[in-house]
Amino acid sequence: MLDSGRSQPGQGTPRKRSSAGDNFAKELATDVAQNGTIKRLVMDRGFGFLSGEDGKEYFFHRSSVEGSFEGLQEGQKVSFDVEASAPKGPRASRVRVA
C-alpha cells in the first residue's frame, strides 16, 4: 500500500525543466515544416538558399531536394523542413515544390 505522504519514484508531477534545457531541445529539433521561396541557386555547385516565411534564410543542398534540382528556379515557392542543429546554421531538408 502506498503512503500518501510520500511520492514514489517515477510518480507524481514531473519537474519543470530549466530554460537552458528547453533551448537545447529546440536546437536539436528537426523536421519543422516551413514554406518559402527560392532566393538564390548556385546550379554549378549544387546548392541554394531559401527565404522562409519567418524571414530567415536557409541553406539547402541538391541532395535535400525531393525531385529534380535542375528543375528549380529562383522565385519558385517551396515547402521544406528545417534542420535546426546543422553546424553552420539552419539548413533546409526535404525541399519540395509547393
Protein backbone atom coordinates (compact mmCIF):
# COMPACT_ATOMS: atom_id res chain seq x y z
CA MET A 1 0.00 0.00 0.00
CA LEU A 2 1.27 3.46 -0.89
CA ASP A 3 1.95 6.01 1.79
CA SER A 4 0.03 9.15 0.75
CA GLY A 5 2.61 11.36 2.43
CA ARG A 6 5.46 10.29 0.15
CA SER A 7 5.82 10.22 -3.58
CA GLN A 8 7.06 7.04 -5.19
CA PRO A 9 9.90 7.07 -7.75
CA GLY A 10 8.54 7.64 -11.24
CA GLN A 11 5.25 9.03 -9.96
CA GLY A 12 3.94 12.46 -9.18
CA THR A 13 4.24 15.62 -11.21
CA PRO A 14 7.31 15.93 -13.39
CA ARG A 15 9.72 18.73 -12.63
CA LYS A 16 9.80 21.73 -14.89
CA ARG A 17 12.94 21.77 -16.98
CA SER A 18 15.18 24.77 -16.90
CA SER A 19 15.03 27.15 -19.83
CA ALA A 20 18.54 26.07 -20.87
CA GLY A 21 17.29 22.50 -21.26
CA ASP A 22 14.31 23.71 -23.27
CA ASN A 23 16.57 25.70 -25.60
CA PHE A 24 18.82 22.70 -26.09
CA ALA A 25 15.83 20.56 -27.07
CA LYS A 26 14.68 23.20 -29.55
CA GLU A 27 18.14 23.36 -31.12
CA LEU A 28 18.06 19.62 -31.73
CA ALA A 29 14.59 19.69 -33.26
CA THR A 30 14.30 18.62 -36.87
CA ASP A 31 11.52 18.35 -39.38
CA VAL A 32 9.92 21.68 -38.62
CA ALA A 33 7.78 22.28 -41.72
CA GLN A 34 8.04 25.67 -43.42
CA ASN A 35 7.05 27.36 -46.65
CA GLY A 36 9.25 29.75 -48.53
CA THR A 37 10.74 30.94 -51.80
CA ILE A 38 13.97 30.05 -53.57
CA LYS A 39 16.12 33.13 -53.13
CA ARG A 40 19.33 32.05 -54.88
CA LEU A 41 20.52 28.98 -56.80
CA VAL A 42 24.11 28.05 -57.49
CA MET A 43 23.43 25.36 -60.09
CA ASP A 44 27.06 24.52 -60.95
CA ARG A 45 27.89 23.91 -57.26
CA GLY A 46 24.63 22.17 -56.35
CA PHE A 47 23.21 24.33 -53.60
CA GLY A 48 20.97 27.30 -52.95
CA PHE A 49 19.27 29.47 -50.39
CA LEU A 50 15.62 29.72 -49.41
CA SER A 51 13.81 32.64 -47.85
CA GLY A 52 11.37 31.25 -45.28
CA GLU A 53 8.02 32.79 -44.39
CA ASP A 54 9.57 33.51 -41.00
CA GLY A 55 12.03 35.92 -42.67
CA LYS A 56 15.07 33.69 -42.13
CA GLU A 57 17.40 32.42 -44.84
CA TYR A 58 18.09 28.68 -45.15
CA PHE A 59 20.86 26.86 -47.00
CA PHE A 60 19.97 23.71 -48.97
CA HIS A 61 22.00 21.15 -50.91
CA ARG A 62 20.86 19.41 -54.10
CA SER A 63 20.71 16.10 -52.19
CA SER A 64 17.92 17.52 -49.99
CA VAL A 65 15.62 18.26 -52.95
CA GLU A 66 12.73 15.87 -53.49
CA GLY A 67 12.54 15.77 -57.27
CA SER A 68 14.85 17.47 -59.72
CA PHE A 69 17.33 20.09 -58.52
CA GLU A 70 17.82 21.18 -62.13
CA GLY A 71 14.08 21.91 -62.39
CA LEU A 72 14.15 24.55 -59.64
CA GLN A 73 14.05 28.28 -60.39
CA GLU A 74 14.70 31.37 -58.32
CA GLY A 75 11.44 32.85 -57.02
CA GLN A 76 9.72 29.45 -57.00
CA LYS A 77 7.54 28.60 -53.98
CA VAL A 78 8.68 25.58 -51.99
CA SER A 79 7.99 23.78 -48.74
CA PHE A 80 10.78 22.34 -46.64
CA ASP A 81 11.79 21.04 -43.24
CA VAL A 82 14.34 22.77 -41.04
CA GLU A 83 17.38 21.08 -39.50
CA ALA A 84 17.96 23.47 -36.63
CA SER A 85 21.03 21.64 -35.36
CA ALA A 86 23.10 21.95 -38.56
CA PRO A 87 26.68 23.03 -37.72
CA LYS A 88 26.72 26.20 -39.86
CA GLY A 89 23.21 27.41 -39.06
CA PRO A 90 19.68 26.45 -40.09
CA ARG A 91 19.58 24.13 -43.09
CA ALA A 92 16.61 23.13 -45.23
CA SER A 93 15.88 19.46 -45.85
CA ARG A 94 13.19 17.65 -47.85
CA VAL A 95 12.82 20.66 -50.19
CA ARG A 96 9.80 20.20 -52.48
CA VAL A 97 7.93 22.43 -54.90
CA ALA A 98 4.80 23.80 -53.21
